[in-house]
Amino acid sequence: MEPSRSQSRRPGPRPFCVLLAAFAAGQAAAADLGTDRDAFTPSTHVVEPGSLLHEASYVFIDNPAGLPTNNYPEWLLRVGGTEWLEWRFGVNYGIGSQGTIVTSVEVGEGTLDGSRLYETSILYGFKLQASRQAGWLPESAFIMEGSTPAFGDSFGTVPVATGVAGWELPGGWRLDTALRYAYAEGHAGWFSRWTPSAVLRIPVTERWEVHAEWFGSYSAGLTPPRSQPFFSPGTHYLVGRNMEIGLRVGWGLGGDAAPFFSDAGLGWRW
């Protein structure tokens, strides 16, 4: 029997389901901006071609000696170039600076004794997508940056190389690891700093994620040598499709490490 005119015009459930699926897909796509400031361990992703990702933070570090460190804006601009390349530019201002080894903005360690009061640094570099996850083969990326003090008592450019690899796990969990190398300027000359890290990221909702992280900074060629391990939990929340806010705190696990630090910031994509 041919349906009546009223039956033929009645909206079925399909349009609603399509809209609901589209909404859910949009939320899932927006669940993570892939910011590098979200944790000490950077993201394995590069920014999409033609996109800009702004990241900024306020960081407080309760140094074991001397003045505490206050850093802002720790601004990083990530510019999508191709599917496997992004360009990176940043700037940071530090008060009572003894370095910012707990953050993604590398500015060296300067005098290490708290005698330096102010410092401004600019950052520049690139990030390459090295691989996509395929089974146990991780997604990976390589970051090469330089940081040049624009104001302060140290004026040598600090080169920083970082390799990062990560795996998507069941339940939406993610494990990321990284190894950073910096050739930094200290009170008695230049030295090498190796910084391994690992972070476990756990989604709570489509917009809310928590993580637990370990990282450490270990010097070579510095007298006396410094060993600075940290434990750091954190969280971020997606305000909208293109904005993320986050907070991470941390505690030093050794005598050379800062007893406490906090990092509050945001990411904004457009």
C-alpha atoms as a PDB file:
ATOM      1  CA  MET A   1       0.000   0.000   0.000  1.00  0.00           C
ATOM      2  CA  GLU A   2       1.315   3.430  -0.891  1.00  0.00           C
ATOM      3  CA  PRO A   3       1.939   5.554   2.229  1.00  0.00           C
ATOM      4  CA  SER A   4      -0.297   8.543   2.834  1.00  0.00           C
ATOM      5  CA  ARG A   5       0.954  12.088   2.288  1.00  0.00           C
ATOM      6  CA  SER A   6       1.230  12.670   6.059  1.00  0.00           C
ATOM      7  CA  GLN A   7       3.175   9.457   6.537  1.00  0.00           C
ATOM      8  CA  SER A   8       5.557  10.277   3.716  1.00  0.00           C
ATOM      9  CA  ARG A   9       6.336  13.664   5.271  1.00  0.00           C
ATOM     10  CA  ARG A  10       6.853  12.408   8.816  1.00  0.00           C
ATOM     11  CA  PRO A  11      10.530  12.830   9.833  1.00  0.00           C
ATOM     12  CA  GLY A  12      12.096   9.543  10.815  1.00  0.00           C
ATOM     13  CA  PRO A  13      14.795   8.892  13.379  1.00  0.00           C
ATOM     14  CA  ARG A  14      17.600   8.850  10.833  1.00  0.00           C
ATOM     15  CA  PRO A  15      18.241  12.624  10.689  1.00  0.00           C
ATOM     16  CA  PHE A  16      18.455  12.791  14.484  1.00  0.00           C
ATOM     17  CA  CYS A  17      20.870   9.862  14.588  1.00  0.00           C
ATOM     18  CA  VAL A  18      23.002  11.463  11.911  1.00  0.00           C
ATOM     19  CA  LEU A  19      23.153  14.723  13.859  1.00  0.00           C
ATOM     20  CA  LEU A  20      23.956  12.882  17.079  1.00  0.00           C
ATOM     21  CA  ALA A  21      26.727  10.925  15.393  1.00  0.00           C
ATOM     22  CA  ALA A  22      28.144  14.110  13.882  1.00  0.00           C
ATOM     23  CA  PHE A  23      28.079  15.797  17.291  1.00  0.00           C
ATOM     24  CA  ALA A  24      29.827  12.851  18.930  1.00  0.00           C
ATOM     25  CA  ALA A  25      32.419  12.770  16.169  1.00  0.00           C
ATOM     26  CA  GLY A  26      33.037  16.486  16.650  1.00  0.00           C
ATOM     27  CA  GLN A  27      33.505  16.008  20.388  1.00  0.00           C
ATOM     28  CA  ALA A  28      35.884  13.112  19.844  1.00  0.00           C
ATOM     29  CA  ALA A  29      37.892  15.113  17.341  1.00  0.00           C
ATOM     30  CA  ALA A  30      38.077  17.985  19.800  1.00  0.00           C
ATOM     31  CA  ALA A  31      39.041  15.837  22.805  1.00  0.00           C
ATOM     32  CA  ASP A  32      42.746  16.650  22.495  1.00  0.00           C
ATOM     33  CA  LEU A  33      44.479  19.561  20.777  1.00  0.00           C
ATOM     34  CA  GLY A  34      47.844  17.819  21.008  1.00  0.00           C
ATOM     35  CA  THR A  35      49.477  20.670  22.909  1.00  0.00           C
ATOM     36  CA  ASP A  36      53.084  20.303  24.003  1.00  0.00           C
ATOM     37  CA  ARG A  37      52.562  22.336  27.207  1.00  0.00           C
ATOM     38  CA  ASP A  38      50.008  19.832  28.571  1.00  0.00           C
ATOM     39  CA  ALA A  39      52.872  17.843  30.157  1.00  0.00           C
ATOM     40  CA  PHE A  40      56.652  17.912  30.219  1.00  0.00           C
ATOM     41  CA  THR A  41      56.612  15.144  27.599  1.00  0.00           C
ATOM     42  CA  PRO A  42      55.566  16.782  24.304  1.00  0.00           C
ATOM     43  CA  SER A  43      52.856  15.453  22.033  1.00  0.00           C
ATOM     44  CA  THR A  44      53.763  13.081  19.206  1.00  0.00           C
ATOM     45  CA  HIS A  45      51.541  15.052  16.805  1.00  0.00           C
ATOM     46  CA  VAL A  46      52.370  17.938  14.514  1.00  0.00           C
ATOM     47  CA  VAL A  47      49.956  20.775  13.814  1.00  0.00           C
ATOM     48  CA  GLU A  48      47.738  20.325  10.754  1.00  0.00           C
ATOM     49  CA  PRO A  49      48.816  22.213   7.615  1.00  0.00           C
ATOM     50  CA  GLY A  50      47.486  25.764   7.596  1.00  0.00           C
ATOM     51  CA  SER A  51      46.618  25.710  11.327  1.00  0.00           C
ATOM     52  CA  LEU A  52      48.086  27.730  14.184  1.00  0.00           C
ATOM     53  CA  LEU A  53      48.303  26.433  17.744  1.00  0.00           C
ATOM     54  CA  HIS A  54      49.085  28.961  20.488  1.00  0.00           C
ATOM     55  CA  GLU A  55      50.275  27.665  23.863  1.00  0.00           C
ATOM     56  CA  ALA A  56      50.961  29.730  26.986  1.00  0.00           C
ATOM     57  CA  SER A  57      51.588  29.111  30.690  1.00  0.00           C
ATOM     58  CA  TYR A  58      52.356  30.680  34.027  1.00  0.00           C
ATOM     59  CA  VAL A  59      54.934  28.583  35.890  1.00  0.00           C
ATOM     60  CA  PHE A  60      56.025  28.813  39.527  1.00  0.00           C
ATOM     61  CA  ILE A  61      59.096  26.863  40.692  1.00  0.00           C
ATOM     62  CA  ASP A  62      59.989  26.694  44.383  1.00  0.00           C
ATOM     63  CA  ASN A  63      63.755  26.344  43.950  1.00  0.00           C
ATOM     64  CA  PRO A  64      65.747  24.468  46.620  1.00  0.00           C
ATOM     65  CA  ALA A  65      67.971  27.545  47.102  1.00  0.00           C
ATOM     66  CA  GLY A  66      67.708  31.209  46.266  1.00  0.00           C
ATOM     67  CA  LEU A  67      64.643  32.942  44.900  1.00  0.00           C
ATOM     68  CA  PRO A  68      61.656  31.076  43.450  1.00  0.00           C
ATOM     69  CA  THR A  69      61.203  31.218  39.681  1.00  0.00           C
ATOM     70  CA  ASN A  70      58.169  32.821  38.047  1.00  0.00           C
ATOM     71  CA  ASN A  71      57.868  32.373  34.282  1.00  0.00           C
ATOM     72  CA  TYR A  72      55.336  33.782  31.845  1.00  0.00           C
ATOM     73  CA  PRO A  73      53.934  33.745  29.230  1.00  0.00           C
ATOM     74  CA  GLU A  74      55.950  30.726  28.052  1.00  0.00           C
ATOM     75  CA  TRP A  75      54.257  31.446  24.743  1.00  0.00           C
ATOM     76  CA  LEU A  76      54.756  28.948  21.945  1.00  0.00           C
ATOM     77  CA  LEU A  77      53.323  29.352  18.441  1.00  0.00           C
ATOM     78  CA  ARG A  78      53.185  26.154  16.384  1.00  0.00           C
ATOM     79  CA  VAL A  79      52.562  26.684  12.669  1.00  0.00           C
ATOM     80  CA  GLY A  80      51.417  23.779  10.515  1.00  0.00           C
ATOM     81  CA  GLY A  81      53.546  23.535   7.361  1.00  0.00           C
ATOM     82  CA  THR A  82      52.866  20.076   5.916  1.00  0.00           C
ATOM     83  CA  GLU A  83      51.405  16.810   7.194  1.00  0.00           C
ATOM     84  CA  TRP A  84      54.782  15.961   8.699  1.00  0.00           C
ATOM     85  CA  LEU A  85      56.317  19.375   9.528  1.00  0.00           C
ATOM     86  CA  GLU A  86      55.504  22.303  11.820  1.00  0.00           C
ATOM     87  CA  TRP A  87      57.422  25.478  12.629  1.00  0.00           C
ATOM     88  CA  ARG A  88      57.820  26.685  16.209  1.00  0.00           C
ATOM     89  CA  PHE A  89      58.356  30.182  17.664  1.00  0.00           C
ATOM     90  CA  GLY A  90      58.206  31.273  21.295  1.00  0.00           C
ATOM     91  CA  VAL A  91      59.141  33.761  23.977  1.00  0.00           C
ATOM     92  CA  ASN A  92      59.451  33.614  27.750  1.00  0.00           C
ATOM     93  CA  TYR A  93      60.151  36.006  30.620  1.00  0.00           C
ATOM     94  CA  GLY A  94      61.567  34.742  33.914  1.00  0.00           C
ATOM     95  CA  ILE A  95      61.831  36.421  37.323  1.00  0.00           C
ATOM     96  CA  GLY A  96      64.253  34.991  39.873  1.00  0.00           C
ATOM     97  CA  SER A  97      65.328  32.589  37.165  1.00  0.00           C
ATOM     98  CA  GLN A  98      67.387  29.475  37.762  1.00  0.00           C
ATOM     99  CA  GLY A  99      66.197  27.813  34.583  1.00  0.00           C
ATOM    100  CA  THR A 100      62.909  26.222  33.585  1.00  0.00           C
ATOM    101  CA  ILE A 101      63.734  22.559  33.228  1.00  0.00           C
ATOM    102  CA  VAL A 102      60.209  21.586  34.327  1.00  0.00           C
ATOM    103  CA  THR A 103      58.599  23.125  31.233  1.00  0.00           C
ATOM    104  CA  SER A 104      58.594  22.804  27.475  1.00  0.00           C
ATOM    105  CA  VAL A 105      60.253  26.229  26.991  1.00  0.00           C
ATOM    106  CA  GLU A 106      63.998  25.606  27.255  1.00  0.00           C
ATOM    107  CA  VAL A 107      66.027  28.590  28.553  1.00  0.00           C
ATOM    108  CA  GLY A 108      69.104  26.939  30.043  1.00  0.00           C
ATOM    109  CA  GLU A 109      70.102  27.074  33.702  1.00  0.00           C
ATOM    110  CA  GLY A 110      72.217  30.213  33.889  1.00  0.00           C
ATOM    111  CA  THR A 111      74.031  30.845  37.159  1.00  0.00           C
ATOM    112  CA  LEU A 112      72.093  28.120  39.036  1.00  0.00           C
ATOM    113  CA  ASP A 113      72.548  30.012  42.314  1.00  0.00           C
ATOM    114  CA  GLY A 114      69.613  32.383  42.011  1.00  0.00           C
ATOM    115  CA  SER A 115      71.780  35.469  41.447  1.00  0.00           C
ATOM    116  CA  ARG A 116      70.130  36.173  38.095  1.00  0.00           C
ATOM    117  CA  LEU A 117      66.935  38.123  38.668  1.00  0.00           C
ATOM    118  CA  TYR A 118      65.444  38.601  35.203  1.00  0.00           C
ATOM    119  CA  GLU A 119      65.707  36.789  31.895  1.00  0.00           C
ATOM    120  CA  THR A 120      63.964  36.984  28.527  1.00  0.00           C
ATOM    121  CA  SER A 121      64.442  34.287  25.904  1.00  0.00           C
ATOM    122  CA  ILE A 122      63.195  33.643  22.398  1.00  0.00           C
ATOM    123  CA  LEU A 123      62.702  30.167  20.972  1.00  0.00           C
ATOM    124  CA  TYR A 124      62.592  28.917  17.384  1.00  0.00           C
ATOM    125  CA  GLY A 125      62.707  25.555  15.654  1.00  0.00           C
ATOM    126  CA  PHE A 126      60.682  22.835  13.966  1.00  0.00           C
ATOM    127  CA  LYS A 127      58.952  19.522  14.671  1.00  0.00           C
ATOM    128  CA  LEU A 128      58.931  16.525  12.325  1.00  0.00           C
ATOM    129  CA  GLN A 129      56.459  13.649  12.296  1.00  0.00           C
ATOM    130  CA  ALA A 130      58.689  10.576  12.095  1.00  0.00           C
ATOM    131  CA  SER A 131      56.161   7.685  12.138  1.00  0.00           C
ATOM    132  CA  ARG A 132      52.536   6.737  12.693  1.00  0.00           C
ATOM    133  CA  GLN A 133      51.489   3.991  15.068  1.00  0.00           C
ATOM    134  CA  ALA A 134      51.254   0.541  13.468  1.00  0.00           C
ATOM    135  CA  GLY A 135      50.821  -2.189  16.044  1.00  0.00           C
ATOM    136  CA  TRP A 136      53.750  -1.966  18.437  1.00  0.00           C
ATOM    137  CA  LEU A 137      55.499   0.565  16.204  1.00  0.00           C
ATOM    138  CA  PRO A 138      54.884   3.869  18.017  1.00  0.00           C
ATOM    139  CA  GLU A 139      53.846   7.211  16.666  1.00  0.00           C
ATOM    140  CA  SER A 140      56.958   9.362  16.917  1.00  0.00           C
ATOM    141  CA  ALA A 141      58.250  12.871  16.312  1.00  0.00           C
ATOM    142  CA  PHE A 142      61.501  14.819  16.478  1.00  0.00           C
ATOM    143  CA  ILE A 143      61.847  18.402  17.724  1.00  0.00           C
ATOM    144  CA  MET A 144      64.850  20.640  17.088  1.00  0.00           C
ATOM    145  CA  GLU A 145      64.903  24.037  18.776  1.00  0.00           C
ATOM    146  CA  GLY A 146      67.201  26.852  19.733  1.00  0.00           C
ATOM    147  CA  SER A 147      66.712  29.236  22.652  1.00  0.00           C
ATOM    148  CA  THR A 148      68.519  32.582  22.694  1.00  0.00           C
ATOM    149  CA  PRO A 149      68.503  34.865  25.762  1.00  0.00           C
ATOM    150  CA  ALA A 150      67.477  38.388  24.811  1.00  0.00           C
ATOM    151  CA  PHE A 151      68.062  39.780  28.295  1.00  0.00           C
ATOM    152  CA  GLY A 152      70.054  38.461  31.278  1.00  0.00           C
ATOM    153  CA  ASP A 153      73.576  37.512  32.206  1.00  0.00           C
ATOM    154  CA  SER A 154      73.813  34.535  29.814  1.00  0.00           C
ATOM    155  CA  PHE A 155      73.745  35.156  26.076  1.00  0.00           C
ATOM    156  CA  GLY A 156      74.645  31.815  24.498  1.00  0.00           C
ATOM    157  CA  THR A 157      72.074  30.084  22.305  1.00  0.00           C
ATOM    158  CA  VAL A 158      70.985  26.751  23.813  1.00  0.00           C
ATOM    159  CA  PRO A 159      70.363  23.993  21.229  1.00  0.00           C
ATOM    160  CA  VAL A 160      67.737  21.429  22.271  1.00  0.00           C
ATOM    161  CA  ALA A 161      66.880  18.147  20.521  1.00  0.00           C
ATOM    162  CA  THR A 162      63.920  15.997  21.595  1.00  0.00           C
ATOM    163  CA  GLY A 163      62.716  12.613  20.416  1.00  0.00           C
ATOM    164  CA  VAL A 164      59.217  11.507  21.443  1.00  0.00           C
ATOM    165  CA  ALA A 165      57.329   8.236  20.906  1.00  0.00           C
ATOM    166  CA  GLY A 166      53.853   7.182  22.013  1.00  0.00           C
ATOM    167  CA  TRP A 167      51.278   4.427  21.858  1.00  0.00           C
ATOM    168  CA  GLU A 168      47.474   4.488  21.879  1.00  0.00           C
ATOM    169  CA  LEU A 169      46.298   1.896  24.430  1.00  0.00           C
ATOM    170  CA  PRO A 170      42.926   0.177  25.011  1.00  0.00           C
ATOM    171  CA  GLY A 171      40.259   2.375  26.567  1.00  0.00           C
ATOM    172  CA  GLY A 172      41.637   5.541  24.992  1.00  0.00           C
ATOM    173  CA  TRP A 173      44.663   5.569  27.323  1.00  0.00           C
ATOM    174  CA  ARG A 174      47.964   6.757  25.919  1.00  0.00           C
ATOM    175  CA  LEU A 175      51.597   6.245  26.917  1.00  0.00           C
ATOM    176  CA  ASP A 176      54.139   8.784  25.664  1.00  0.00           C
ATOM    177  CA  THR A 177      57.895   8.800  26.263  1.00  0.00           C
ATOM    178  CA  ALA A 178      60.581  11.303  25.342  1.00  0.00           C
ATOM    179  CA  LEU A 179      64.295  12.003  25.599  1.00  0.00           C
ATOM    180  CA  ARG A 180      65.540  15.597  25.478  1.00  0.00           C
ATOM    181  CA  TYR A 181      69.153  16.705  25.065  1.00  0.00           C
ATOM    182  CA  ALA A 182      70.268  20.281  25.708  1.00  0.00           C
ATOM    183  CA  TYR A 183      73.690  21.873  25.538  1.00  0.00           C
ATOM    184  CA  ALA A 184      73.177  24.449  28.261  1.00  0.00           C
ATOM    185  CA  GLU A 185      75.171  27.297  29.809  1.00  0.00           C
ATOM    186  CA  GLY A 186      76.054  27.050  33.501  1.00  0.00           C
ATOM    187  CA  HIS A 187      77.965  29.201  35.968  1.00  0.00           C
ATOM    188  CA  ALA A 188      81.318  27.612  34.999  1.00  0.00           C
ATOM    189  CA  GLY A 189      80.740  27.016  31.289  1.00  0.00           C
ATOM    190  CA  TRP A 190      78.725  24.816  28.993  1.00  0.00           C
ATOM    191  CA  PHE A 191      77.486  21.340  29.863  1.00  0.00           C
ATOM    192  CA  SER A 192      75.176  18.603  28.551  1.00  0.00           C
ATOM    193  CA  ARG A 193      71.779  17.857  30.044  1.00  0.00           C
ATOM    194  CA  TRP A 194      69.811  14.656  29.379  1.00  0.00           C
ATOM    195  CA  THR A 195      66.119  14.645  30.273  1.00  0.00           C
ATOM    196  CA  PRO A 196      64.091  11.417  29.904  1.00  0.00           C
ATOM    197  CA  SER A 197      60.354  11.403  30.599  1.00  0.00           C
ATOM    198  CA  ALA A 198      57.237   9.222  30.446  1.00  0.00           C
ATOM    199  CA  VAL A 199      53.566  10.146  30.857  1.00  0.00           C
ATOM    200  CA  LEU A 200      50.380   8.051  31.053  1.00  0.00           C
ATOM    201  CA  ARG A 201      47.301   9.931  29.826  1.00  0.00           C
ATOM    202  CA  ILE A 202      43.824   8.747  30.872  1.00  0.00           C
ATOM    203  CA  PRO A 203      40.585  10.202  29.434  1.00  0.00           C
ATOM    204  CA  VAL A 204      37.854  10.761  32.022  1.00  0.00           C
ATOM    205  CA  THR A 205      35.238  12.195  29.644  1.00  0.00           C
ATOM    206  CA  GLU A 206      35.281  13.350  26.032  1.00  0.00           C
ATOM    207  CA  ARG A 207      36.552  16.740  27.216  1.00  0.00           C
ATOM    208  CA  TRP A 208      38.479  15.941  30.383  1.00  0.00           C
ATOM    209  CA  GLU A 209      41.795  14.095  30.669  1.00  0.00           C
ATOM    210  CA  VAL A 210      44.181  13.383  33.556  1.00  0.00           C
ATOM    211  CA  HIS A 211      47.781  12.203  33.482  1.00  0.00           C
ATOM    212  CA  ALA A 212      50.649  11.040  35.674  1.00  0.00           C
ATOM    213  CA  GLU A 213      54.234  11.729  34.640  1.00  0.00           C
ATOM    214  CA  TRP A 214      57.828  11.080  35.657  1.00  0.00           C
ATOM    215  CA  PHE A 215      60.737  13.059  34.251  1.00  0.00           C
ATOM    216  CA  GLY A 216      64.290  13.823  35.300  1.00  0.00           C
ATOM    217  CA  SER A 217      67.174  16.102  34.390  1.00  0.00           C
ATOM    218  CA  TYR A 218      70.709  14.717  34.563  1.00  0.00           C
ATOM    219  CA  SER A 219      73.823  16.776  33.818  1.00  0.00           C
ATOM    220  CA  ALA A 220      77.126  15.729  32.256  1.00  0.00           C
ATOM    221  CA  GLY A 221      80.151  18.027  32.405  1.00  0.00           C
ATOM    222  CA  LEU A 222      78.760  20.131  35.263  1.00  0.00           C
ATOM    223  CA  THR A 223      80.617  20.378  38.592  1.00  0.00           C
ATOM    224  CA  PRO A 224      79.084  19.204  40.813  1.00  0.00           C
ATOM    225  CA  PRO A 225      76.744  17.062  38.693  1.00  0.00           C
ATOM    226  CA  ARG A 226      73.014  17.564  39.148  1.00  0.00           C
ATOM    227  CA  SER A 227      70.292  14.927  39.305  1.00  0.00           C
ATOM    228  CA  GLN A 228      66.728  16.281  39.346  1.00  0.00           C
ATOM    229  CA  PRO A 229      63.902  13.715  39.089  1.00  0.00           C
ATOM    230  CA  PHE A 230      60.243  14.785  39.394  1.00  0.00           C
ATOM    231  CA  PHE A 231      56.788  13.253  39.765  1.00  0.00           C
ATOM    232  CA  SER A 232      54.018  15.307  38.205  1.00  0.00           C
ATOM    233  CA  PRO A 233      50.245  14.713  37.947  1.00  0.00           C
ATOM    234  CA  GLY A 234      48.117  16.977  35.789  1.00  0.00           C
ATOM    235  CA  THR A 235      44.866  17.504  33.954  1.00  0.00           C
ATOM    236  CA  HIS A 236      43.392  19.406  31.029  1.00  0.00           C
ATOM    237  CA  TYR A 237      39.864  20.281  29.976  1.00  0.00           C
ATOM    238  CA  LEU A 238      38.622  21.155  26.519  1.00  0.00           C
ATOM    239  CA  VAL A 239      36.549  24.340  26.747  1.00  0.00           C
ATOM    240  CA  GLY A 240      35.537  24.185  23.072  1.00  0.00           C
ATOM    241  CA  ARG A 241      36.673  22.586  19.862  1.00  0.00           C
ATOM    242  CA  ASN A 242      39.696  24.874  19.699  1.00  0.00           C
ATOM    243  CA  MET A 243      40.573  25.830  23.294  1.00  0.00           C
ATOM    244  CA  GLU A 244      42.095  23.826  26.126  1.00  0.00           C
ATOM    245  CA  ILE A 245      42.966  24.773  29.700  1.00  0.00           C
ATOM    246  CA  GLY A 246      45.266  22.726  31.889  1.00  0.00           C
ATOM    247  CA  LEU A 247      47.057  22.471  35.204  1.00  0.00           C
ATOM    248  CA  ARG A 248      50.007  20.376  36.283  1.00  0.00           C
ATOM    249  CA  VAL A 249      51.956  20.300  39.520  1.00  0.00           C
ATOM    250  CA  GLY A 250      55.077  18.413  40.521  1.00  0.00           C
ATOM    251  CA  TRP A 251      57.386  17.480  43.353  1.00  0.00           C
ATOM    252  CA  GLY A 252      61.129  16.927  43.252  1.00  0.00           C
ATOM    253  CA  LEU A 253      62.315  13.464  44.251  1.00  0.00           C
ATOM    254  CA  GLY A 254      65.894  14.405  45.145  1.00  0.00           C
ATOM    255  CA  GLY A 255      67.941  17.062  46.905  1.00  0.00           C
ATOM    256  CA  ASP A 256      68.887  18.895  43.693  1.00  0.00           C
ATOM    257  CA  ALA A 257      65.305  19.055  42.407  1.00  0.00           C
ATOM    258  CA  ALA A 258      62.881  21.860  43.188  1.00  0.00           C
ATOM    259  CA  PRO A 259      60.573  20.730  46.017  1.00  0.00           C
ATOM    260  CA  PHE A 260      57.461  21.933  44.139  1.00  0.00           C
ATOM    261  CA  PHE A 261      56.342  23.511  40.879  1.00  0.00           C
ATOM    262  CA  SER A 262      53.025  24.419  39.272  1.00  0.00           C
ATOM    263  CA  ASP A 263      52.118  25.116  35.646  1.00  0.00           C
ATOM    264  CA  ALA A 264      48.759  26.603  34.603  1.00  0.00           C
ATOM    265  CA  GLY A 265      48.064  27.433  30.973  1.00  0.00           C
ATOM    266  CA  LEU A 266      46.019  27.081  27.844  1.00  0.00           C
ATOM    267  CA  GLY A 267      46.129  26.062  24.217  1.00  0.00           C
ATOM    268  CA  TRP A 268      44.228  27.844  21.442  1.00  0.00           C
ATOM    269  CA  ARG A 269      43.963  26.604  17.873  1.00  0.00           C
ATOM    270  CA  TRP A 270      42.819  28.584  14.844  1.00  0.00           C
END
